[in-house]
C-alpha cells in the first residue's frame, strides 16, 4: 500500500494530483475521448498556484503506470475499468 509521509504536503502528493487529473479527465469536454495533453495540463495548473508542469507529468506517469489512462500520440484518455464480480470459492466446499 502506498502511504504518504505524515509531514508531506498533500496538495503536491502524487495520489492527490492523480485523483485531480482523473476528475479533470472525467468532466466535459474531455469525457470519454482522447484530448491533447496540453489542454488537460492547463486546466490542472489553473486549479492551484503551487502546481507545476513537472508535477502534472509525474502524476500522469503514475496514472499510466497503474493503467488509469491510455495514450495515443500526444493525446490521452481516461480508461474505464469494468468491475467483474467474482465469487470467492469456499474453503470448505469440497470437504466430506
PDB file of N, CA and C in Angstrom:
ATOM      1  N   UNK A   1       0.847  -1.170   0.000  1.00  0.00           N
ATOM      2  CA  UNK A   1       0.000   0.000   0.000  1.00  0.00           C
ATOM      3  C   UNK A   1       0.896   1.237   0.000  1.00  0.00           C
ATOM      4  N   UNK A   2       0.529   2.214  -0.801  1.00  0.00           N
ATOM      5  CA  UNK A   2       1.298   3.453  -0.868  1.00  0.00           C
ATOM      6  C   UNK A   2       0.733   4.407   0.185  1.00  0.00           C
ATOM      7  N   UNK A   3       1.579   4.807   1.110  1.00  0.00           N
ATOM      8  CA  UNK A   3       1.163   5.743   2.147  1.00  0.00           C
ATOM      9  C   UNK A   3       2.034   6.992   2.084  1.00  0.00           C
ATOM     10  N   UNK A   4       1.410   8.170   2.095  1.00  0.00           N
ATOM     11  CA  UNK A   4       2.218   9.397   2.099  1.00  0.00           C
ATOM     12  C   UNK A   4       2.875   9.609   3.458  1.00  0.00           C
ATOM     13  N   UNK A   5       3.990  10.310   3.452  1.00  0.00           N
ATOM     14  CA  UNK A   5       4.667  10.660   4.693  1.00  0.00           C
ATOM     15  C   UNK A   5       3.775  11.620   5.482  1.00  0.00           C
ATOM     16  N   UNK A   6       3.742  11.501   6.802  1.00  0.00           N
ATOM     17  CA  UNK A   6       2.886  12.379   7.611  1.00  0.00           C
ATOM     18  C   UNK A   6       3.228  13.861   7.475  1.00  0.00           C
ATOM     19  N   UNK A   7       4.488  14.169   7.202  1.00  0.00           N
ATOM     20  CA  UNK A   7       4.901  15.572   7.102  1.00  0.00           C
ATOM     21  C   UNK A   7       4.744  16.146   5.699  1.00  0.00           C
ATOM     22  N   UNK A   8       4.343  15.322   4.736  1.00  0.00           N
ATOM     23  CA  UNK A   8       4.292  15.787   3.353  1.00  0.00           C
ATOM     24  C   UNK A   8       3.099  16.710   3.115  1.00  0.00           C
ATOM     25  N   UNK A   9       3.244  17.536   2.104  1.00  0.00           N
ATOM     26  CA  UNK A   9       2.183  18.451   1.696  1.00  0.00           C
ATOM     27  C   UNK A   9       1.228  17.686   0.782  1.00  0.00           C
ATOM     28  N   UNK A  10      -0.003  17.487   1.209  1.00  0.00           N
ATOM     29  CA  UNK A  10      -0.949  16.700   0.419  1.00  0.00           C
ATOM     30  C   UNK A  10      -1.353  17.390  -0.880  1.00  0.00           C
ATOM     31  N   UNK A  11      -1.170  18.698  -0.956  1.00  0.00           N
ATOM     32  CA  UNK A  11      -1.506  19.408  -2.187  1.00  0.00           C
ATOM     33  C   UNK A  11      -0.590  18.993  -3.337  1.00  0.00           C
ATOM     34  N   UNK A  12       0.616  18.508  -3.012  1.00  0.00           N
ATOM     35  CA  UNK A  12       1.554  18.116  -4.052  1.00  0.00           C
ATOM     36  C   UNK A  12       1.830  16.606  -4.036  1.00  0.00           C
ATOM     37  N   UNK A  13       0.985  15.835  -3.369  1.00  0.00           N
ATOM     38  CA  UNK A  13       1.126  14.390  -3.314  1.00  0.00           C
ATOM     39  C   UNK A  13       0.665  13.782  -4.633  1.00  0.00           C
ATOM     40  N   UNK A  14       1.416  12.817  -5.156  1.00  0.00           N
ATOM     41  CA  UNK A  14       1.090  12.225  -6.455  1.00  0.00           C
ATOM     42  C   UNK A  14      -0.297  11.594  -6.510  1.00  0.00           C
ATOM     43  N   UNK A  15      -0.708  10.954  -5.431  1.00  0.00           N
ATOM     44  CA  UNK A  15      -2.031  10.322  -5.433  1.00  0.00           C
ATOM     45  C   UNK A  15      -3.140  11.363  -5.482  1.00  0.00           C
ATOM     46  N   UNK A  16      -2.961  12.457  -4.766  1.00  0.00           N
ATOM     47  CA  UNK A  16      -3.958  13.539  -4.767  1.00  0.00           C
ATOM     48  C   UNK A  16      -3.985  14.208  -6.134  1.00  0.00           C
ATOM     49  N   UNK A  17      -2.807  14.472  -6.696  1.00  0.00           N
ATOM     50  CA  UNK A  17      -2.738  15.090  -8.017  1.00  0.00           C
ATOM     51  C   UNK A  17      -3.315  14.160  -9.089  1.00  0.00           C
ATOM     52  N   UNK A  18      -3.043  12.870  -8.955  1.00  0.00           N
ATOM     53  CA  UNK A  18      -3.610  11.901  -9.897  1.00  0.00           C
ATOM     54  C   UNK A  18      -5.124  11.869  -9.831  1.00  0.00           C
ATOM     55  N   UNK A  19      -5.668  11.937  -8.621  1.00  0.00           N
ATOM     56  CA  UNK A  19      -7.126  11.968  -8.462  1.00  0.00           C
ATOM     57  C   UNK A  19      -7.709  13.227  -9.098  1.00  0.00           C
ATOM     58  N   UNK A  20      -6.993  14.337  -8.999  1.00  0.00           N
ATOM     59  CA  UNK A  20      -7.466  15.575  -9.610  1.00  0.00           C
ATOM     60  C   UNK A  20      -7.424  15.480 -11.136  1.00  0.00           C
ATOM     61  N   UNK A  21      -6.396  14.840 -11.671  1.00  0.00           N
ATOM     62  CA  UNK A  21      -6.319  14.646 -13.121  1.00  0.00           C
ATOM     63  C   UNK A  21      -7.470  13.749 -13.588  1.00  0.00           C
ATOM     64  N   UNK A  22      -7.776  12.718 -12.827  1.00  0.00           N
ATOM     65  CA  UNK A  22      -8.914  11.854 -13.170  1.00  0.00           C
ATOM     66  C   UNK A  22     -10.205  12.659 -13.157  1.00  0.00           C
ATOM     67  N   UNK A  23     -10.336  13.548 -12.189  1.00  0.00           N
ATOM     68  CA  UNK A  23     -11.518  14.409 -12.119  1.00  0.00           C
ATOM     69  C   UNK A  23     -11.609  15.308 -13.354  1.00  0.00           C
ATOM     70  N   UNK A  24     -10.491  15.887 -13.750  1.00  0.00           N
ATOM     71  CA  UNK A  24     -10.467  16.742 -14.941  1.00  0.00           C
ATOM     72  C   UNK A  24     -10.831  15.933 -16.184  1.00  0.00           C
ATOM     73  N   UNK A  25     -10.261  14.744 -16.301  1.00  0.00           N
ATOM     74  CA  UNK A  25     -10.495  13.917 -17.487  1.00  0.00           C
ATOM     75  C   UNK A  25     -11.912  13.344 -17.519  1.00  0.00           C
ATOM     76  N   UNK A  26     -12.551  13.228 -16.372  1.00  0.00           N
ATOM     77  CA  UNK A  26     -13.897  12.684 -16.308  1.00  0.00           C
ATOM     78  C   UNK A  26     -14.977  13.702 -16.603  1.00  0.00           C
ATOM     79  N   UNK A  27     -14.612  14.975 -16.661  1.00  0.00           N
ATOM     80  CA  UNK A  27     -15.587  16.033 -16.922  1.00  0.00           C
ATOM     81  C   UNK A  27     -15.554  16.464 -18.380  1.00  0.00           C
ATOM     82  N   UNK A  28     -16.639  17.087 -18.818  1.00  0.00           N
ATOM     83  CA  UNK A  28     -16.715  17.618 -20.180  1.00  0.00           C
ATOM     84  C   UNK A  28     -15.659  18.695 -20.338  1.00  0.00           C
ATOM     85  N   UNK A  29     -15.115  18.932 -21.454  1.00  0.00           N
ATOM     86  CA  UNK A  29     -15.285  18.301 -22.766  1.00  0.00           C
ATOM     87  C   UNK A  29     -14.377  17.100 -22.988  1.00  0.00           C
ATOM     88  N   UNK A  30     -13.669  16.652 -21.944  1.00  0.00           N
ATOM     89  CA  UNK A  30     -12.695  15.569 -22.102  1.00  0.00           C
ATOM     90  C   UNK A  30     -13.276  14.183 -21.869  1.00  0.00           C
ATOM     91  N   UNK A  31     -14.515  14.112 -21.453  1.00  0.00           N
ATOM     92  CA  UNK A  31     -15.098  12.838 -21.035  1.00  0.00           C
ATOM     93  C   UNK A  31     -15.160  11.839 -22.188  1.00  0.00           C
ATOM     94  N   UNK A  32     -14.573  10.659 -21.960  1.00  0.00           N
ATOM     95  CA  UNK A  32     -14.621   9.525 -22.886  1.00  0.00           C
ATOM     96  C   UNK A  32     -14.030   9.785 -24.264  1.00  0.00           C
ATOM     97  N   UNK A  33     -13.107  10.744 -24.378  1.00  0.00           N
ATOM     98  CA  UNK A  33     -12.438  10.929 -25.659  1.00  0.00           C
ATOM     99  C   UNK A  33     -10.991  11.334 -25.443  1.00  0.00           C
ATOM    100  N   UNK A  34     -10.210  11.088 -26.464  1.00  0.00           N
ATOM    101  CA  UNK A  34      -8.810  11.481 -26.409  1.00  0.00           C
ATOM    102  C   UNK A  34      -8.717  12.996 -26.527  1.00  0.00           C
ATOM    103  N   UNK A  35      -7.861  13.593 -25.709  1.00  0.00           N
ATOM    104  CA  UNK A  35      -7.649  15.040 -25.755  1.00  0.00           C
ATOM    105  C   UNK A  35      -6.152  15.306 -25.641  1.00  0.00           C
ATOM    106  N   UNK A  36      -5.733  16.427 -26.161  1.00  0.00           N
ATOM    107  CA  UNK A  36      -4.321  16.798 -26.146  1.00  0.00           C
ATOM    108  C   UNK A  36      -3.867  17.022 -24.702  1.00  0.00           C
ATOM    109  N   UNK A  37      -2.686  16.520 -24.401  1.00  0.00           N
ATOM    110  CA  UNK A  37      -2.138  16.594 -23.043  1.00  0.00           C
ATOM    111  C   UNK A  37      -2.057  18.037 -22.555  1.00  0.00           C
ATOM    112  N   UNK A  38      -1.670  18.972 -23.432  1.00  0.00           N
ATOM    113  CA  UNK A  38      -1.521  20.373 -23.026  1.00  0.00           C
ATOM    114  C   UNK A  38      -2.823  20.979 -22.514  1.00  0.00           C
ATOM    115  N   UNK A  39      -3.945  20.606 -23.125  1.00  0.00           N
ATOM    116  CA  UNK A  39      -5.238  21.133 -22.674  1.00  0.00           C
ATOM    117  C   UNK A  39      -5.543  20.698 -21.245  1.00  0.00           C
ATOM    118  N   UNK A  40      -5.262  19.442 -20.965  1.00  0.00           N
ATOM    119  CA  UNK A  40      -5.517  18.927 -19.620  1.00  0.00           C
ATOM    120  C   UNK A  40      -4.525  19.515 -18.625  1.00  0.00           C
ATOM    121  N   UNK A  41      -3.293  19.708 -19.056  1.00  0.00           N
ATOM    122  CA  UNK A  41      -2.297  20.301 -18.162  1.00  0.00           C
ATOM    123  C   UNK A  41      -2.668  21.744 -17.811  1.00  0.00           C
ATOM    124  N   UNK A  42      -3.176  22.493 -18.769  1.00  0.00           N
ATOM    125  CA  UNK A  42      -3.573  23.877 -18.483  1.00  0.00           C
ATOM    126  C   UNK A  42      -4.683  23.935 -17.441  1.00  0.00           C
ATOM    127  N   UNK A  43      -5.672  23.053 -17.560  1.00  0.00           N
ATOM    128  CA  UNK A  43      -6.736  23.002 -16.539  1.00  0.00           C
ATOM    129  C   UNK A  43      -6.163  22.610 -15.186  1.00  0.00           C
ATOM    130  N   UNK A  44      -5.250  21.651 -15.180  1.00  0.00           N
ATOM    131  CA  UNK A  44      -4.604  21.179 -13.951  1.00  0.00           C
ATOM    132  C   UNK A  44      -3.837  22.317 -13.274  1.00  0.00           C
ATOM    133  N   UNK A  45      -3.083  23.078 -14.032  1.00  0.00           N
ATOM    134  CA  UNK A  45      -2.266  24.158 -13.469  1.00  0.00           C
ATOM    135  C   UNK A  45      -3.115  25.312 -12.944  1.00  0.00           C
ATOM    136  N   UNK A  46      -4.280  25.537 -13.535  1.00  0.00           N
ATOM    137  CA  UNK A  46      -5.146  26.638 -13.105  1.00  0.00           C
ATOM    138  C   UNK A  46      -5.791  26.380 -11.747  1.00  0.00           C
ATOM    139  N   UNK A  47      -5.870  25.130 -11.319  1.00  0.00           N
ATOM    140  CA  UNK A  47      -6.554  24.800 -10.065  1.00  0.00           C
ATOM    141  C   UNK A  47      -5.776  25.199  -8.822  1.00  0.00           C
ATOM    142  N   UNK A  48      -4.449  25.337  -8.932  1.00  0.00           N
ATOM    143  CA  UNK A  48      -3.638  25.693  -7.756  1.00  0.00           C
ATOM    144  C   UNK A  48      -2.343  26.336  -8.221  1.00  0.00           C
ATOM    145  N   UNK A  49      -1.953  27.416  -7.565  1.00  0.00           N
ATOM    146  CA  UNK A  49      -0.744  28.147  -7.969  1.00  0.00           C
ATOM    147  C   UNK A  49       0.539  27.381  -7.657  1.00  0.00           C
ATOM    148  N   UNK A  50       0.493  26.405  -6.755  1.00  0.00           N
ATOM    149  CA  UNK A  50       1.685  25.638  -6.384  1.00  0.00           C
ATOM    150  C   UNK A  50       1.985  24.500  -7.359  1.00  0.00           C
ATOM    151  N   UNK A  51       1.116  24.266  -8.292  1.00  0.00           N
ATOM    152  CA  UNK A  51       1.305  23.165  -9.237  1.00  0.00           C
ATOM    153  C   UNK A  51       2.244  23.578 -10.363  1.00  0.00           C
ATOM    154  N   UNK A  52       3.020  22.608 -10.809  1.00  0.00           N
ATOM    155  CA  UNK A  52       3.978  22.844 -11.888  1.00  0.00           C
ATOM    156  C   UNK A  52       3.760  21.811 -12.984  1.00  0.00           C
ATOM    157  N   UNK A  53       4.278  22.076 -14.189  1.00  0.00           N
ATOM    158  CA  UNK A  53       4.184  21.073 -15.247  1.00  0.00           C
ATOM    159  C   UNK A  53       4.873  19.757 -14.869  1.00  0.00           C
ATOM    160  N   UNK A  54       5.944  19.838 -14.096  1.00  0.00           N
ATOM    161  CA  UNK A  54       6.623  18.616 -13.652  1.00  0.00           C
ATOM    162  C   UNK A  54       5.705  17.749 -12.795  1.00  0.00           C
ATOM    163  N   UNK A  55       4.971  18.368 -11.873  1.00  0.00           N
ATOM    164  CA  UNK A  55       4.037  17.610 -11.036  1.00  0.00           C
ATOM    165  C   UNK A  55       2.958  16.946 -11.887  1.00  0.00           C
ATOM    166  N   UNK A  56       2.498  17.654 -12.909  1.00  0.00           N
ATOM    167  CA  UNK A  56       1.499  17.078 -13.807  1.00  0.00           C
ATOM    168  C   UNK A  56       2.051  15.835 -14.499  1.00  0.00           C
ATOM    169  N   UNK A  57       3.271  15.933 -15.011  1.00  0.00           N
ATOM    170  CA  UNK A  57       3.862  14.799 -15.724  1.00  0.00           C
ATOM    171  C   UNK A  57       4.160  13.631 -14.792  1.00  0.00           C
ATOM    172  N   UNK A  58       4.588  13.903 -13.562  1.00  0.00           N
ATOM    173  CA  UNK A  58       4.811  12.827 -12.589  1.00  0.00           C
ATOM    174  C   UNK A  58       3.491  12.108 -12.273  1.00  0.00           C
ATOM    175  N   UNK A  59       2.432  12.892 -12.065  1.00  0.00           N
ATOM    176  CA  UNK A  59       1.124  12.300 -11.756  1.00  0.00           C
ATOM    177  C   UNK A  59       0.579  11.540 -12.969  1.00  0.00           C
ATOM    178  N   UNK A  60       0.803  12.063 -14.157  1.00  0.00           N
ATOM    179  CA  UNK A  60       0.365  11.396 -15.377  1.00  0.00           C
ATOM    180  C   UNK A  60       1.109  10.066 -15.564  1.00  0.00           C
ATOM    181  N   UNK A  61       2.391  10.060 -15.265  1.00  0.00           N
ATOM    182  CA  UNK A  61       3.175   8.825 -15.333  1.00  0.00           C
ATOM    183  C   UNK A  61       2.656   7.802 -14.329  1.00  0.00           C
ATOM    184  N   UNK A  62       2.328   8.271 -13.126  1.00  0.00           N
ATOM    185  CA  UNK A  62       1.751   7.398 -12.099  1.00  0.00           C
ATOM    186  C   UNK A  62       0.446   6.776 -12.598  1.00  0.00           C
ATOM    187  N   UNK A  63      -0.429   7.594 -13.174  1.00  0.00           N
ATOM    188  CA  UNK A  63      -1.715   7.095 -13.667  1.00  0.00           C
ATOM    189  C   UNK A  63      -1.535   6.112 -14.816  1.00  0.00           C
ATOM    190  N   UNK A  64      -0.584   6.375 -15.684  1.00  0.00           N
ATOM    191  CA  UNK A  64      -0.327   5.461 -16.801  1.00  0.00           C
ATOM    192  C   UNK A  64       0.232   4.140 -16.286  1.00  0.00           C
ATOM    193  N   UNK A  65       1.065   4.205 -15.262  1.00  0.00           N
ATOM    194  CA  UNK A  65       1.662   3.001 -14.691  1.00  0.00           C
ATOM    195  C   UNK A  65       0.604   2.079 -14.081  1.00  0.00           C
ATOM    196  N   UNK A  66      -0.396   2.658 -13.440  1.00  0.00           N
ATOM    197  CA  UNK A  66      -1.430   1.832 -12.816  1.00  0.00           C
ATOM    198  C   UNK A  66      -2.583   1.517 -13.773  1.00  0.00           C
ATOM    199  N   UNK A  67      -2.469   1.969 -15.028  1.00  0.00           N
ATOM    200  CA  UNK A  67      -3.452   1.615 -16.048  1.00  0.00           C
ATOM    201  C   UNK A  67      -4.710   2.455 -16.051  1.00  0.00           C
ATOM    202  N   UNK A  68      -4.651   3.657 -15.515  1.00  0.00           N
ATOM    203  CA  UNK A  68      -5.850   4.507 -15.464  1.00  0.00           C
ATOM    204  C   UNK A  68      -6.027   5.378 -16.701  1.00  0.00           C
ATOM    205  N   UNK A  69      -4.961   5.545 -17.471  1.00  0.00           N
ATOM    206  CA  UNK A  69      -5.080   6.348 -18.687  1.00  0.00           C
ATOM    207  C   UNK A  69      -4.467   5.587 -19.852  1.00  0.00           C
ATOM    208  N   UNK A  70      -4.940   5.943 -21.037  1.00  0.00           N
ATOM    209  CA  UNK A  70      -4.429   5.371 -22.274  1.00  0.00           C
ATOM    210  C   UNK A  70      -3.890   6.516 -23.107  1.00  0.00           C
ATOM    211  N   UNK A  71      -2.817   6.267 -23.849  1.00  0.00           N
ATOM    212  CA  UNK A  71      -2.254   7.339 -24.678  1.00  0.00           C
ATOM    213  C   UNK A  71      -2.249   6.922 -26.133  1.00  0.00           C
ATOM    214  N   UNK A  72      -2.411   7.923 -26.975  1.00  0.00           N
ATOM    215  CA  UNK A  72      -2.339   7.732 -28.421  1.00  0.00           C
ATOM    216  C   UNK A  72      -1.669   8.979 -28.975  1.00  0.00           C
ATOM    217  N   UNK A  73      -0.394   8.877 -29.281  1.00  0.00           N
ATOM    218  CA  UNK A  73       0.357  10.042 -29.732  1.00  0.00           C
ATOM    219  C   UNK A  73       0.484  11.045 -28.593  1.00  0.00           C
ATOM    220  N   UNK A  74       0.048  12.273 -28.850  1.00  0.00           N
ATOM    221  CA  UNK A  74       0.080  13.322 -27.825  1.00  0.00           C
ATOM    222  C   UNK A  74      -1.257  13.485 -27.123  1.00  0.00           C
ATOM    223  N   UNK A  75      -2.119  12.498 -27.265  1.00  0.00           N
ATOM    224  CA  UNK A  75      -3.443  12.562 -26.655  1.00  0.00           C
ATOM    225  C   UNK A  75      -3.581  11.468 -25.607  1.00  0.00           C
ATOM    226  N   UNK A  76      -4.377  11.762 -24.577  1.00  0.00           N
ATOM    227  CA  UNK A  76      -4.631  10.789 -23.517  1.00  0.00           C
ATOM    228  C   UNK A  76      -6.126  10.711 -23.245  1.00  0.00           C
ATOM    229  N   UNK A  77      -6.525   9.588 -22.664  1.00  0.00           N
ATOM    230  CA  UNK A  77      -7.936   9.356 -22.355  1.00  0.00           C
ATOM    231  C   UNK A  77      -8.025   8.531 -21.082  1.00  0.00           C
ATOM    232  N   UNK A  78      -9.056   8.775 -20.311  1.00  0.00           N
ATOM    233  CA  UNK A  78      -9.307   8.015 -19.097  1.00  0.00           C
ATOM    234  C   UNK A  78      -9.807   6.627 -19.463  1.00  0.00           C
ATOM    235  N   UNK A  79      -9.256   5.611 -18.811  1.00  0.00           N
ATOM    236  CA  UNK A  79      -9.643   4.222 -19.078  1.00  0.00           C
ATOM    237  C   UNK A  79     -10.671   3.807 -18.043  1.00  0.00           C
ATOM    238  N   UNK A  80     -11.791   3.298 -18.539  1.00  0.00           N
ATOM    239  CA  UNK A  80     -12.810   2.788 -17.629  1.00  0.00           C
ATOM    240  C   UNK A  80     -12.560   1.310 -17.424  1.00  0.00           C
ATOM    241  N   UNK A  81     -12.427   0.923 -16.196  1.00  0.00           N
ATOM    242  CA  UNK A  81     -12.213  -0.482 -15.897  1.00  0.00           C
ATOM    243  C   UNK A  81     -13.542  -1.092 -15.487  1.00  0.00           C
ATOM    244  N   UNK A  82     -13.840  -2.222 -16.094  1.00  0.00           N
ATOM    245  CA  UNK A  82     -15.065  -2.924 -15.730  1.00  0.00           C
ATOM    246  C   UNK A  82     -14.794  -3.756 -14.491  1.00  0.00           C
ATOM    247  N   UNK A  83     -15.690  -3.667 -13.555  1.00  0.00           N
ATOM    248  CA  UNK A  83     -15.548  -4.425 -12.323  1.00  0.00           C
ATOM    249  C   UNK A  83     -16.271  -5.752 -12.510  1.00  0.00           C
ATOM    250  N   UNK A  84     -15.504  -6.801 -12.395  1.00  0.00           N
ATOM    251  CA  UNK A  84     -16.092  -8.134 -12.514  1.00  0.00           C
ATOM    252  C   UNK A  84     -16.279  -8.690 -11.124  1.00  0.00           C
ATOM    253  N   UNK A  85     -17.473  -9.084 -10.849  1.00  0.00           N
ATOM    254  CA  UNK A  85     -17.732  -9.704  -9.553  1.00  0.00           C
ATOM    255  C   UNK A  85     -17.396 -11.178  -9.655  1.00  0.00           C
ATOM    256  N   UNK A  86     -16.477 -11.569  -8.842  1.00  0.00           N
ATOM    257  CA  UNK A  86     -16.116 -12.977  -8.807  1.00  0.00           C
ATOM    258  C   UNK A  86     -16.430 -13.484  -7.412  1.00  0.00           C
ATOM    259  N   UNK A  87     -17.169 -14.557  -7.390  1.00  0.00           N
ATOM    260  CA  UNK A  87     -17.498 -15.139  -6.101  1.00  0.00           C
ATOM    261  C   UNK A  87     -16.283 -15.875  -5.562  1.00  0.00           C
ATOM    262  N   UNK A  88     -16.008 -15.638  -4.316  1.00  0.00           N
ATOM    263  CA  UNK A  88     -14.897 -16.321  -3.684  1.00  0.00           C
ATOM    264  C   UNK A  88     -15.286 -17.774  -3.434  1.00  0.00           C
ATOM    265  N   UNK A  89     -14.411 -18.648  -3.806  1.00  0.00           N
ATOM    266  CA  UNK A  89     -14.706 -20.063  -3.582  1.00  0.00           C
ATOM    267  C   UNK A  89     -14.533 -20.375  -2.121  1.00  0.00           C
ATOM    268  N   UNK A  90     -15.389 -21.218  -1.631  1.00  0.00           N
ATOM    269  CA  UNK A  90     -15.361 -21.583  -0.235  1.00  0.00           C
ATOM    270  C   UNK A  90     -14.236 -22.571   0.020  1.00  0.00           C
ATOM    271  N   UNK A  91     -13.583 -22.419   1.132  1.00  0.00           N
ATOM    272  CA  UNK A  91     -12.540 -23.360   1.524  1.00  0.00           C
ATOM    273  C   UNK A  91     -13.113 -24.714   1.907  1.00  0.00           C
ATOM    274  N   UNK A  92     -14.383 -24.717   2.273  1.00  0.00           N
ATOM    275  CA  UNK A  92     -14.996 -25.936   2.788  1.00  0.00           C
ATOM    276  C   UNK A  92     -16.001 -26.557   1.815  1.00  0.00           C
ATOM    277  N   UNK A  93     -15.997 -26.143   0.560  1.00  0.00           N
ATOM    278  CA  UNK A  93     -16.985 -26.626  -0.408  1.00  0.00           C
ATOM    279  C   UNK A  93     -16.802 -28.104  -0.728  1.00  0.00           C
ATOM    280  N   UNK A  94     -15.588 -28.594  -0.785  1.00  0.00           N
ATOM    281  CA  UNK A  94     -15.349 -29.972  -1.183  1.00  0.00           C
ATOM    282  C   UNK A  94     -15.006 -30.881  -0.008  1.00  0.00           C
ATOM    283  N   UNK A  95     -15.297 -30.464   1.187  1.00  0.00           N
ATOM    284  CA  UNK A  95     -14.987 -31.281   2.364  1.00  0.00           C
ATOM    285  C   UNK A  95     -16.125 -32.259   2.620  1.00  0.00           C
ATOM    286  N   UNK A  96     -15.802 -33.535   2.766  1.00  0.00           N
ATOM    287  CA  UNK A  96     -16.829 -34.546   3.014  1.00  0.00           C
ATOM    288  C   UNK A  96     -16.915 -34.884   4.486  1.00  0.00           C
TER     289      UNK A  96
END
